[in-house]
Amino acid sequence: MGTAPPASPSSTRTLWPDPGAKVQPDASSDTDSRVGNLFKGDNVNLRFIDWIWHVRGRLAIAPEQSSDEAFERLTPLFRQTGTSFQRTDATLTFRKKDQAAQDKMSIFDGGVLRIEQDGAGPVLRYHLISRALLFCFLAPLLFLAFAQLTIFTSKLQKPPTEAASTSGKAAKGSQKPAVEKAPVPLNPIDKFLGAPEPEKPKKGDEEKLGRRGKKPSPTPAYVFAGMFAALYVIGRILEDRLIKRLFKKSLQVS
């Protein structure tokens, strides 16, 4: 039995199997399994729901371009702050941590790019992961839960004005109507010094005091839920198109 060749000095660890190993017939499922191993705890097959925060796609490459040349054109995209990547013959994997806002791929946390031979020529397949998209998807659900909690708590508590009116109905017949107090006259010294006369409380101020006893409203929670839902839909569609355009621009032969 022969001994395995020594590891390359440039790589500190092996993320993928040996490039010469037998490849599964379904290339897309092979790429998905590689991405599943990229993050710990993702061993469960979540293909039916992982489209929420996973971006998959394919892009045709010029027939005269080799895989080495294609990856050389794509490599500058991964030479960014907070990005680490490793490349084999036909596969490039990357991770991002504390990526800068100037990074064109800052929304993604990791992924796999693989060049394969299709019937029409070489094809670039990519599978990217974005936790930001997952957060934007879950945020509306969180705010909807807050709205339902607000409605539930508002049903349990009575507003102070309602409680006061309920208790006041019993004693309404026995009590005399309250007499408005006359404003306190201004001190002669203050009047001599030019102090203004004391003003009576306005109706608007009384209404503001009454508003404090109103029930909490779920409207703000619904507004934020709508904002994050719109943000997710726009971001999911836009990022899919932007990343495909970015790869296409990088692979263009000058």
Protein backbone atom coordinates (compact mmCIF):
# COMPACT_ATOMS: atom_id res chain seq x y z
CA MET A 1 0.00 0.00 0.00
CA GLY A 2 1.47 3.39 -1.03
CA THR A 3 1.75 6.34 1.28
CA ALA A 4 -0.34 9.48 0.73
CA PRO A 5 1.51 12.49 -0.76
CA PRO A 6 2.41 15.27 1.68
CA ALA A 7 0.02 18.19 2.06
CA SER A 8 0.66 21.37 0.12
CA PRO A 9 2.54 24.02 2.12
CA SER A 10 -0.01 26.69 1.11
CA SER A 11 -2.97 24.88 2.72
CA THR A 12 -3.20 24.27 6.41
CA ARG A 13 -6.12 21.85 6.27
CA THR A 14 -8.13 19.83 3.76
CA LEU A 15 -11.73 20.93 3.35
CA TRP A 16 -12.64 18.66 0.43
CA PRO A 17 -11.92 15.11 -0.73
CA ASP A 18 -9.12 14.36 -3.14
CA PRO A 19 -9.83 15.91 -6.61
CA GLY A 20 -9.09 12.56 -8.25
CA ALA A 21 -11.82 10.80 -6.30
CA LYS A 22 -14.92 9.57 -8.09
CA VAL A 23 -17.53 12.36 -8.57
CA GLN A 24 -21.23 11.70 -8.09
CA PRO A 25 -23.35 11.85 -11.25
CA ASP A 26 -25.51 14.71 -9.95
CA ALA A 27 -23.13 17.65 -9.78
CA SER A 28 -25.60 20.03 -8.14
CA SER A 29 -26.24 17.63 -5.25
CA ASP A 30 -22.47 17.18 -4.85
CA THR A 31 -22.06 20.95 -4.56
CA ASP A 32 -24.90 21.10 -2.03
CA SER A 33 -23.23 18.45 0.11
CA ARG A 34 -19.99 20.43 0.08
CA VAL A 35 -21.81 23.56 1.23
CA GLY A 36 -23.55 21.50 3.92
CA ASN A 37 -20.16 20.54 5.30
CA LEU A 38 -18.95 24.13 5.16
CA PHE A 39 -20.89 25.07 8.30
CA LYS A 40 -21.13 22.78 11.29
CA GLY A 41 -24.57 21.50 12.19
CA ASP A 42 -25.91 21.65 8.62
CA ASN A 43 -25.93 17.88 8.11
CA VAL A 44 -29.72 17.73 7.90
CA ASN A 45 -31.09 17.99 4.38
CA LEU A 46 -33.04 21.27 4.28
CA ARG A 47 -33.33 21.56 0.51
CA PHE A 48 -37.04 22.34 0.69
CA ILE A 49 -36.56 25.45 2.83
CA ASP A 50 -32.91 26.44 2.45
CA TRP A 51 -33.74 28.48 -0.67
CA ILE A 52 -34.67 31.17 1.85
CA TRP A 53 -31.03 31.97 2.59
CA HIS A 54 -29.18 29.91 -0.09
CA VAL A 55 -28.51 31.32 -3.55
CA ARG A 56 -27.84 28.80 -6.32
CA GLY A 57 -27.13 29.39 -9.98
CA ARG A 58 -25.12 28.51 -13.04
CA LEU A 59 -23.27 30.55 -15.62
CA ALA A 60 -21.89 29.47 -19.00
CA ILE A 61 -18.16 30.02 -19.53
CA ALA A 62 -16.46 30.73 -22.85
CA PRO A 63 -15.28 27.47 -24.44
CA GLU A 64 -11.74 28.79 -24.83
CA GLN A 65 -11.47 29.48 -21.10
CA SER A 66 -9.91 26.82 -18.91
CA SER A 67 -10.85 26.28 -15.30
CA ASP A 68 -7.52 27.73 -14.16
CA GLU A 69 -8.07 30.89 -16.18
CA ALA A 70 -11.65 31.24 -14.96
CA PHE A 71 -10.65 30.92 -11.30
CA GLU A 72 -7.80 33.40 -11.80
CA ARG A 73 -10.38 35.94 -12.94
CA LEU A 74 -12.66 35.15 -10.00
CA THR A 75 -9.95 35.10 -7.33
CA PRO A 76 -9.81 38.94 -6.84
CA LEU A 77 -13.38 38.80 -5.57
CA PHE A 78 -12.21 36.69 -2.63
CA ARG A 79 -9.06 38.62 -1.78
CA GLN A 80 -10.97 40.85 0.60
CA THR A 81 -10.75 41.62 4.30
CA GLY A 82 -12.31 38.87 6.41
CA THR A 83 -12.45 36.38 3.51
CA SER A 84 -10.61 33.05 3.43
CA PHE A 85 -10.77 30.70 0.46
CA GLN A 86 -9.27 27.46 -0.78
CA ARG A 87 -9.15 26.10 -4.31
CA THR A 88 -8.73 22.67 -5.84
CA ASP A 89 -8.64 21.80 -9.55
CA ALA A 90 -12.28 22.65 -10.28
CA THR A 91 -13.68 23.88 -6.96
CA LEU A 92 -13.29 27.05 -4.93
CA THR A 93 -14.69 27.34 -1.41
CA PHE A 94 -14.77 30.49 0.68
CA ARG A 95 -15.83 31.79 4.07
CA LYS A 96 -16.39 35.31 5.29
CA LYS A 97 -16.17 36.68 8.82
CA ASP A 98 -16.46 40.36 9.80
CA GLN A 99 -16.45 41.29 6.13
CA ALA A 100 -16.16 44.94 5.17
CA ALA A 101 -19.13 46.84 3.78
CA GLN A 102 -17.10 47.68 0.66
CA ASP A 103 -16.92 43.98 -0.21
CA LYS A 104 -19.11 43.29 -3.24
CA MET A 105 -20.04 39.92 -1.75
CA SER A 106 -20.42 41.08 1.85
CA ILE A 107 -23.97 39.78 2.13
CA PHE A 108 -22.73 36.17 1.77
CA ASP A 109 -21.06 34.22 4.57
CA GLY A 110 -19.68 31.34 2.53
CA GLY A 111 -20.19 29.13 -0.48
CA VAL A 112 -18.81 26.88 -3.19
CA LEU A 113 -17.98 27.61 -6.84
CA ARG A 114 -17.42 24.67 -9.17
CA ILE A 115 -16.57 24.49 -12.89
CA GLU A 116 -18.01 21.51 -14.75
CA GLN A 117 -18.23 20.32 -18.32
CA ASP A 118 -21.72 20.50 -19.75
CA GLY A 119 -22.99 19.40 -23.13
CA ALA A 120 -22.69 22.94 -24.49
CA GLY A 121 -19.34 23.66 -22.81
CA PRO A 122 -17.90 24.57 -19.40
CA VAL A 123 -20.33 25.84 -16.79
CA LEU A 124 -19.77 27.64 -13.48
CA ARG A 125 -22.09 26.42 -10.72
CA TYR A 126 -22.28 28.40 -7.49
CA HIS A 127 -23.99 27.81 -4.17
CA LEU A 128 -23.83 30.71 -1.71
CA ILE A 129 -25.14 31.15 1.85
CA SER A 130 -26.40 34.41 3.37
CA ARG A 131 -27.42 34.73 7.02
CA ALA A 132 -28.57 38.31 6.33
CA LEU A 133 -31.32 36.97 4.06
CA LEU A 134 -32.33 34.51 6.78
CA PHE A 135 -32.57 37.34 9.32
CA CYS A 136 -34.73 39.45 6.97
CA PHE A 137 -37.01 36.45 6.48
CA LEU A 138 -37.43 35.73 10.21
CA ALA A 139 -37.78 39.36 11.32
CA PRO A 140 -41.39 39.79 10.03
CA LEU A 141 -42.42 36.64 11.90
CA LEU A 142 -40.91 38.06 15.08
CA PHE A 143 -42.76 41.37 14.74
CA LEU A 144 -46.03 39.58 13.96
CA ALA A 145 -45.56 37.65 17.20
CA PHE A 146 -45.05 40.97 19.02
CA ALA A 147 -48.29 42.27 17.48
CA GLN A 148 -50.27 39.25 18.65
CA LEU A 149 -48.73 39.57 22.11
CA THR A 150 -49.75 43.24 22.23
CA ILE A 151 -53.33 42.37 21.29
CA PHE A 152 -53.44 39.64 23.93
CA THR A 153 -52.11 41.87 26.72
CA SER A 154 -54.41 44.76 25.76
CA LYS A 155 -57.41 42.47 26.26
CA LEU A 156 -56.26 41.59 29.76
CA GLN A 157 -55.75 45.10 31.05
CA LYS A 158 -58.35 47.87 31.43
CA PRO A 159 -57.52 51.44 30.51
CA PRO A 160 -57.47 53.82 33.51
CA THR A 161 -60.16 56.03 31.95
CA GLU A 162 -62.49 53.06 31.51
CA ALA A 163 -61.94 51.91 35.10
CA ALA A 164 -62.52 55.42 36.41
CA SER A 165 -65.74 55.83 34.42
CA THR A 166 -67.00 52.45 35.65
CA SER A 167 -66.37 53.31 39.31
CA GLY A 168 -67.73 56.81 38.86
CA LYS A 169 -71.13 55.67 37.58
CA ALA A 170 -72.03 54.23 41.01
CA ALA A 171 -71.27 57.46 42.85
CA LYS A 172 -72.59 59.78 40.17
CA GLY A 173 -75.93 60.40 41.87
CA SER A 174 -74.49 61.04 45.31
CA GLN A 175 -71.73 63.43 44.28
CA LYS A 176 -72.19 66.99 43.15
CA PRO A 177 -70.57 68.17 39.93
CA ALA A 178 -67.07 69.43 40.47
CA VAL A 179 -66.73 73.19 40.53
CA GLU A 180 -63.94 74.64 38.48
CA LYS A 181 -61.36 76.29 40.66
CA ALA A 182 -60.72 79.93 40.06
CA PRO A 183 -57.19 80.81 39.02
CA VAL A 184 -54.93 81.91 41.86
CA PRO A 185 -54.51 85.71 41.79
CA LEU A 186 -51.08 86.96 40.96
CA ASN A 187 -48.97 88.27 43.83
CA PRO A 188 -48.80 92.12 43.78
CA ILE A 189 -45.00 92.02 43.83
CA ASP A 190 -44.91 89.64 40.86
CA LYS A 191 -47.45 91.80 39.09
CA PHE A 192 -45.31 94.87 39.73
CA LEU A 193 -42.26 93.07 38.31
CA GLY A 194 -44.20 92.25 35.12
CA ALA A 195 -44.81 88.53 35.63
CA PRO A 196 -47.56 87.15 33.33
CA GLU A 197 -50.91 86.02 34.63
CA PRO A 198 -51.24 82.22 35.26
CA GLU A 199 -52.91 80.49 32.31
CA LYS A 200 -55.72 78.01 32.55
CA PRO A 201 -55.01 74.47 31.32
CA LYS A 202 -56.00 74.09 27.69
CA LYS A 203 -58.26 71.37 26.34
CA GLY A 204 -55.45 70.01 24.21
CA ASP A 205 -53.33 69.39 27.30
CA GLU A 206 -56.15 67.49 28.95
CA GLU A 207 -56.57 65.35 25.84
CA LYS A 208 -52.85 64.53 25.86
CA LEU A 209 -53.11 63.40 29.46
CA GLY A 210 -56.04 61.18 28.52
CA ARG A 211 -54.12 59.54 25.69
CA ARG A 212 -51.67 58.02 28.15
CA GLY A 213 -54.35 55.67 29.36
CA LYS A 214 -55.06 54.20 25.89
CA LYS A 215 -54.42 50.55 25.08
CA PRO A 216 -51.12 49.66 23.35
CA SER A 217 -51.51 49.35 19.58
CA PRO A 218 -50.04 46.53 17.43
CA THR A 219 -49.75 48.88 14.44
CA PRO A 220 -45.98 49.61 14.85
CA ALA A 221 -45.26 45.88 14.90
CA TYR A 222 -47.25 45.40 11.69
CA VAL A 223 -45.36 48.28 10.07
CA PHE A 224 -41.95 46.80 10.91
CA ALA A 225 -43.09 43.36 9.77
CA GLY A 226 -44.10 44.80 6.41
CA MET A 227 -40.81 46.67 6.07
CA PHE A 228 -38.67 43.58 6.69
CA ALA A 229 -40.86 41.43 4.43
CA ALA A 230 -40.41 43.91 1.57
CA LEU A 231 -36.69 44.11 2.33
CA TYR A 232 -36.36 40.33 2.09
CA VAL A 233 -38.28 40.00 -1.19
CA ILE A 234 -36.33 42.81 -2.84
CA GLY A 235 -33.00 41.59 -1.45
CA ARG A 236 -33.57 37.95 -2.41
CA ILE A 237 -34.36 38.81 -6.03
CA LEU A 238 -31.79 41.58 -6.33
CA GLU A 239 -28.85 39.69 -4.81
CA ASP A 240 -29.48 36.71 -7.07
CA ARG A 241 -29.20 38.92 -10.13
CA LEU A 242 -26.31 41.00 -8.82
CA ILE A 243 -24.08 38.04 -7.99
CA LYS A 244 -24.70 36.47 -11.38
CA ARG A 245 -23.84 39.75 -13.09
CA LEU A 246 -20.70 40.09 -10.94
CA PHE A 247 -19.45 36.61 -11.89
CA LYS A 248 -20.28 37.19 -15.55
CA LYS A 249 -18.39 40.47 -15.60
CA SER A 250 -15.36 38.91 -13.92
CA LEU A 251 -15.24 36.02 -16.41
CA GLN A 252 -15.50 38.17 -19.52
CA VAL A 253 -12.58 37.72 -21.89
CA SER A 254 -11.02 41.07 -22.75
